[in-house]
N, C-alpha and C. Protein backbone atom coordinates (compact mmCIF):
# COMPACT_ATOMS: atom_id res chain seq x y z
N MET A 1 139.11 145.83 173.29
CA MET A 1 138.92 145.85 171.85
C MET A 1 137.43 145.70 171.53
N LEU A 2 136.96 146.54 170.65
CA LEU A 2 135.55 146.54 170.31
C LEU A 2 135.26 145.61 169.15
N ARG A 3 134.16 144.88 169.27
CA ARG A 3 133.71 144.06 168.15
C ARG A 3 132.89 144.94 167.23
N PRO A 4 132.76 144.55 165.97
CA PRO A 4 131.93 145.33 165.04
C PRO A 4 130.51 145.46 165.56
N GLY A 5 129.98 146.66 165.54
CA GLY A 5 128.61 146.92 165.98
C GLY A 5 128.46 147.12 167.48
N MET A 6 129.58 147.08 168.22
CA MET A 6 129.52 147.24 169.67
C MET A 6 130.01 148.63 170.04
N SER A 7 129.19 149.35 170.81
CA SER A 7 129.60 150.69 171.21
C SER A 7 130.55 150.62 172.40
N SER A 8 131.23 151.71 172.69
CA SER A 8 132.17 151.73 173.80
C SER A 8 131.44 151.59 175.14
N LYS A 9 130.18 152.06 175.22
CA LYS A 9 129.42 151.93 176.46
C LYS A 9 129.12 150.45 176.76
N LYS A 10 128.76 149.69 175.74
CA LYS A 10 128.48 148.27 175.94
C LYS A 10 129.75 147.53 176.36
N ALA A 11 130.86 147.89 175.81
CA ALA A 11 132.12 147.25 176.16
C ALA A 11 132.47 147.50 177.61
N ALA A 12 132.20 148.71 178.09
CA ALA A 12 132.51 149.06 179.47
C ALA A 12 131.58 148.33 180.45
N LYS A 13 130.35 148.03 180.02
CA LYS A 13 129.38 147.36 180.89
C LYS A 13 129.55 145.84 180.91
N LYS A 14 130.40 145.28 180.08
CA LYS A 14 130.59 143.84 180.04
C LYS A 14 131.09 143.36 181.40
N LYS A 15 130.42 142.36 181.95
CA LYS A 15 130.74 141.88 183.30
C LYS A 15 132.06 141.11 183.34
N ASP A 16 132.73 141.23 184.46
CA ASP A 16 133.93 140.48 184.73
C ASP A 16 133.56 139.00 184.86
N SER A 17 134.41 138.10 184.41
CA SER A 17 134.11 136.67 184.48
C SER A 17 133.96 136.19 185.92
N LYS A 18 134.66 136.82 186.86
CA LYS A 18 134.53 136.44 188.28
C LYS A 18 133.13 136.75 188.79
N LEU A 19 132.56 137.86 188.35
CA LEU A 19 131.21 138.23 188.77
C LEU A 19 130.20 137.22 188.24
N GLN A 20 130.36 136.83 186.99
CA GLN A 20 129.43 135.88 186.39
C GLN A 20 129.55 134.52 187.05
N ARG A 21 130.77 134.06 187.31
CA ARG A 21 130.99 132.75 187.91
C ARG A 21 130.41 132.70 189.34
N ALA A 22 130.56 133.78 190.08
CA ALA A 22 130.06 133.83 191.45
C ALA A 22 128.55 134.07 191.49
N GLY A 23 128.00 134.65 190.44
CA GLY A 23 126.58 134.92 190.39
C GLY A 23 126.16 136.14 191.21
N VAL A 24 127.07 137.08 191.37
CA VAL A 24 126.75 138.29 192.14
C VAL A 24 126.48 139.45 191.20
N SER A 25 125.80 140.48 191.70
CA SER A 25 125.39 141.59 190.84
C SER A 25 126.50 142.61 190.61
N GLY A 26 127.51 142.63 191.48
CA GLY A 26 128.58 143.60 191.32
C GLY A 26 129.68 143.36 192.35
N TYR A 27 130.71 144.18 192.27
CA TYR A 27 131.81 144.08 193.21
C TYR A 27 131.35 144.49 194.61
N ASN A 28 131.90 143.83 195.62
CA ASN A 28 131.63 144.13 197.03
C ASN A 28 130.15 144.01 197.38
N LYS A 29 129.45 143.08 196.70
CA LYS A 29 128.03 142.82 196.97
C LYS A 29 127.89 141.35 197.35
N PRO A 30 127.89 141.04 198.67
CA PRO A 30 127.81 139.65 199.10
C PRO A 30 126.46 139.00 198.79
N LYS A 31 126.49 137.68 198.61
CA LYS A 31 125.29 136.93 198.26
C LYS A 31 125.33 135.59 198.97
N ARG A 32 124.16 135.11 199.42
CA ARG A 32 124.08 133.77 200.03
C ARG A 32 124.27 132.70 198.97
N THR A 33 124.89 131.60 199.37
CA THR A 33 125.07 130.47 198.46
C THR A 33 124.49 129.23 199.12
N PRO A 34 123.16 129.04 199.07
CA PRO A 34 122.53 127.94 199.80
C PRO A 34 122.91 126.55 199.28
N ASN A 35 123.35 126.46 198.03
CA ASN A 35 123.69 125.15 197.47
C ASN A 35 125.17 124.81 197.53
N HIS A 36 125.99 125.72 198.08
CA HIS A 36 127.41 125.42 198.19
C HIS A 36 127.60 124.42 199.34
N PRO A 37 128.46 123.41 199.17
CA PRO A 37 128.59 122.38 200.20
C PRO A 37 129.16 122.86 201.54
N LYS A 38 130.02 123.88 201.54
CA LYS A 38 130.67 124.29 202.79
C LYS A 38 130.45 125.75 203.17
N LYS A 39 130.49 126.65 202.22
CA LYS A 39 130.45 128.09 202.53
C LYS A 39 129.05 128.67 202.29
N SER A 40 128.64 129.59 203.18
CA SER A 40 127.29 130.12 203.12
C SER A 40 127.15 131.39 202.27
N HIS A 41 128.24 132.11 202.03
CA HIS A 41 128.19 133.36 201.29
C HIS A 41 129.36 133.47 200.31
N VAL A 42 129.18 134.33 199.32
CA VAL A 42 130.24 134.62 198.36
C VAL A 42 130.21 136.10 198.03
N VAL A 43 131.39 136.66 197.74
CA VAL A 43 131.50 138.05 197.33
C VAL A 43 132.72 138.16 196.41
N VAL A 44 132.64 139.04 195.42
CA VAL A 44 133.80 139.37 194.61
C VAL A 44 134.28 140.72 195.14
N ALA A 45 135.36 140.66 195.91
CA ALA A 45 135.89 141.87 196.54
C ALA A 45 136.79 142.62 195.57
N LYS A 46 136.67 143.93 195.57
CA LYS A 46 137.50 144.77 194.71
C LYS A 46 138.05 145.90 195.55
N GLU A 47 139.36 146.01 195.54
CA GLU A 47 140.03 147.10 196.25
C GLU A 47 141.14 147.60 195.34
N GLY A 48 141.04 148.86 194.96
CA GLY A 48 141.99 149.39 194.00
C GLY A 48 141.75 148.71 192.65
N GLY A 49 142.81 148.16 192.06
CA GLY A 49 142.69 147.48 190.79
C GLY A 49 142.58 145.98 190.90
N SER A 50 142.68 145.43 192.11
CA SER A 50 142.67 143.98 192.25
C SER A 50 141.30 143.46 192.69
N THR A 51 140.95 142.29 192.18
CA THR A 51 139.69 141.65 192.54
C THR A 51 139.99 140.24 193.07
N LYS A 52 139.10 139.74 193.91
CA LYS A 52 139.31 138.43 194.51
C LYS A 52 137.95 137.81 194.85
N LEU A 53 137.76 136.55 194.48
CA LEU A 53 136.55 135.81 194.84
C LEU A 53 136.74 135.28 196.26
N ILE A 54 135.83 135.63 197.16
CA ILE A 54 135.95 135.21 198.56
C ILE A 54 134.68 134.48 198.95
N ARG A 55 134.83 133.26 199.47
CA ARG A 55 133.73 132.51 200.05
C ARG A 55 133.92 132.54 201.56
N PHE A 56 132.85 132.78 202.30
CA PHE A 56 132.97 132.89 203.74
C PHE A 56 131.74 132.37 204.44
N GLY A 57 131.87 132.06 205.72
CA GLY A 57 130.76 131.60 206.55
C GLY A 57 130.53 130.11 206.40
N GLN A 58 130.30 129.45 207.52
CA GLN A 58 130.05 128.01 207.49
C GLN A 58 128.58 127.75 207.19
N GLN A 59 128.33 126.81 206.29
CA GLN A 59 126.98 126.47 205.88
C GLN A 59 126.22 125.80 207.03
N GLY A 60 125.01 126.24 207.28
CA GLY A 60 124.13 125.58 208.24
C GLY A 60 124.41 125.84 209.70
N VAL A 61 125.23 126.83 210.02
CA VAL A 61 125.56 127.12 211.41
C VAL A 61 124.82 128.36 211.86
N LYS A 62 124.27 128.31 213.08
CA LYS A 62 123.61 129.48 213.64
C LYS A 62 124.69 130.42 214.16
N THR A 63 124.67 131.66 213.70
CA THR A 63 125.63 132.66 214.18
C THR A 63 124.88 133.84 214.73
N ASN A 64 125.59 134.66 215.49
CA ASN A 64 125.06 135.93 215.96
C ASN A 64 123.79 135.75 216.80
N GLN A 65 123.77 134.74 217.66
CA GLN A 65 122.61 134.51 218.50
C GLN A 65 122.56 135.47 219.69
N THR A 66 123.74 135.80 220.25
CA THR A 66 123.78 136.72 221.40
C THR A 66 124.88 137.75 221.19
N ALA A 67 124.78 138.84 221.94
CA ALA A 67 125.81 139.88 221.86
C ALA A 67 127.15 139.33 222.32
N GLY A 68 127.13 138.40 223.27
CA GLY A 68 128.36 137.79 223.75
C GLY A 68 129.07 136.99 222.67
N GLN A 69 128.31 136.28 221.87
CA GLN A 69 128.90 135.54 220.74
C GLN A 69 129.52 136.50 219.74
N ARG A 70 128.83 137.60 219.49
CA ARG A 70 129.34 138.59 218.53
C ARG A 70 130.66 139.18 219.02
N GLU A 71 130.72 139.51 220.29
CA GLU A 71 131.96 140.06 220.86
C GLU A 71 133.09 139.04 220.81
N ALA A 72 132.78 137.77 221.07
CA ALA A 72 133.80 136.72 221.02
C ALA A 72 134.35 136.57 219.60
N PHE A 73 133.46 136.61 218.61
CA PHE A 73 133.89 136.50 217.21
C PHE A 73 134.81 137.67 216.86
N LYS A 74 134.39 138.87 217.23
CA LYS A 74 135.17 140.06 216.89
C LYS A 74 136.54 140.06 217.57
N SER A 75 136.62 139.57 218.80
CA SER A 75 137.92 139.54 219.48
C SER A 75 138.82 138.46 218.89
N ARG A 76 138.24 137.32 218.52
CA ARG A 76 139.03 136.24 217.91
C ARG A 76 139.60 136.62 216.55
N HIS A 77 138.82 137.35 215.78
CA HIS A 77 139.18 137.63 214.39
C HIS A 77 139.55 139.08 214.12
N ALA A 78 139.81 139.85 215.16
CA ALA A 78 140.08 141.29 215.00
C ALA A 78 141.23 141.57 214.04
N LYS A 79 142.29 140.80 214.12
CA LYS A 79 143.46 141.02 213.26
C LYS A 79 143.10 140.80 211.79
N ASN A 80 142.30 139.78 211.51
CA ASN A 80 141.92 139.50 210.13
C ASN A 80 140.86 140.47 209.61
N ILE A 81 139.98 140.94 210.48
CA ILE A 81 138.96 141.90 210.07
C ILE A 81 139.63 143.21 209.64
N LYS A 82 140.71 143.58 210.33
CA LYS A 82 141.42 144.82 210.02
C LYS A 82 142.09 144.78 208.65
N LYS A 83 142.28 143.59 208.08
CA LYS A 83 142.93 143.48 206.77
C LYS A 83 142.09 144.11 205.66
N GLY A 84 140.81 144.29 205.91
CA GLY A 84 139.98 145.00 204.95
C GLY A 84 139.19 144.10 204.03
N LYS A 85 138.71 144.67 202.94
CA LYS A 85 137.78 144.00 202.03
C LYS A 85 138.31 142.72 201.39
N MET A 86 139.61 142.53 201.38
CA MET A 86 140.17 141.36 200.72
C MET A 86 140.28 140.16 201.66
N SER A 87 139.65 140.21 202.85
CA SER A 87 139.69 139.08 203.77
C SER A 87 138.28 138.55 204.03
N ALA A 88 138.18 137.25 204.23
CA ALA A 88 136.89 136.63 204.51
C ALA A 88 136.34 137.09 205.86
N ALA A 89 137.21 137.32 206.83
CA ALA A 89 136.77 137.75 208.16
C ALA A 89 136.06 139.11 208.09
N TYR A 90 136.54 140.00 207.23
CA TYR A 90 135.91 141.31 207.07
C TYR A 90 134.46 141.14 206.62
N TRP A 91 134.23 140.27 205.63
CA TRP A 91 132.90 140.07 205.08
C TRP A 91 132.00 139.32 206.06
N ALA A 92 132.55 138.34 206.78
CA ALA A 92 131.77 137.63 207.79
C ALA A 92 131.31 138.60 208.87
N ASP A 93 132.22 139.48 209.29
CA ASP A 93 131.90 140.48 210.31
C ASP A 93 130.78 141.40 209.81
N LYS A 94 130.88 141.82 208.58
CA LYS A 94 129.92 142.76 208.01
C LYS A 94 128.55 142.12 207.75
N VAL A 95 128.55 140.89 207.25
CA VAL A 95 127.30 140.26 206.82
C VAL A 95 126.68 139.38 207.91
N LYS A 96 127.44 138.45 208.45
CA LYS A 96 126.89 137.48 209.38
C LYS A 96 126.88 137.95 210.83
N TRP A 97 127.80 138.83 211.20
CA TRP A 97 127.92 139.25 212.60
C TRP A 97 127.53 140.70 212.82
N ASN A 98 126.73 141.27 211.95
CA ASN A 98 126.24 142.63 212.08
C ASN A 98 125.39 142.76 213.34
N SER A 99 125.56 143.83 214.10
CA SER A 99 124.84 143.98 215.36
C SER A 99 123.32 144.05 215.17
N SER A 100 122.87 144.50 214.03
CA SER A 100 121.43 144.58 213.80
C SER A 100 120.79 143.20 213.63
N LYS A 101 121.61 142.18 213.37
CA LYS A 101 121.09 140.83 213.19
C LYS A 101 121.20 139.97 214.44
N THR A 102 121.71 140.54 215.54
CA THR A 102 121.82 139.79 216.79
C THR A 102 120.43 139.47 217.32
N LYS A 103 120.22 138.22 217.69
CA LYS A 103 118.89 137.79 218.13
C LYS A 103 118.60 138.12 219.57
N SER A 104 119.64 138.10 220.45
CA SER A 104 119.44 138.36 221.87
C SER A 104 120.49 139.34 222.38
N PRO A 105 120.09 140.31 223.21
CA PRO A 105 121.07 141.26 223.74
C PRO A 105 121.91 140.69 224.88
N SER A 106 121.66 139.45 225.25
CA SER A 106 122.37 138.81 226.36
C SER A 106 123.87 138.77 226.10
N LYS A 107 124.65 139.04 227.14
CA LYS A 107 126.11 138.97 227.04
C LYS A 107 126.60 137.53 227.20
N LYS A 108 125.70 136.63 227.59
CA LYS A 108 126.10 135.25 227.81
C LYS A 108 126.36 134.57 226.47
N TRP A 109 127.46 133.87 226.40
CA TRP A 109 127.83 133.19 225.16
C TRP A 109 127.18 131.83 225.15
N LYS A 110 126.46 131.50 224.07
CA LYS A 110 125.77 130.22 223.96
C LYS A 110 126.63 129.24 223.20
N LYS A 111 127.10 128.21 223.85
CA LYS A 111 127.93 127.22 223.21
C LYS A 111 127.07 126.33 222.31
N GLY A 112 127.58 126.07 221.12
CA GLY A 112 126.89 125.16 220.21
C GLY A 112 125.68 125.74 219.53
N SER A 113 125.50 127.04 219.58
CA SER A 113 124.33 127.65 218.93
C SER A 113 124.72 128.28 217.63
């Protein structure tokens, strides 16, 4: 419903309340949350007509240090990653465990890193 003096273009551009609450620029655009007590990232996932606020990643933990750690994460969470954009594992895999962010090519898994 349009308010007086509001064009249809402005009404279409009005942000979803989930986007504003999460502080992200748009759907499927992850953002770091340095002040959140537990989770390191947030994204408002949109698939089809449904949207969902997803927080993922543990705050203050070093991830993706070696290729071996990345492979271990992917094998542990493969079932959840396959669920698609509406799962936290999908976003963690895409953002935190991206191969371009791996610090060492070593296949050795570093415990506690």
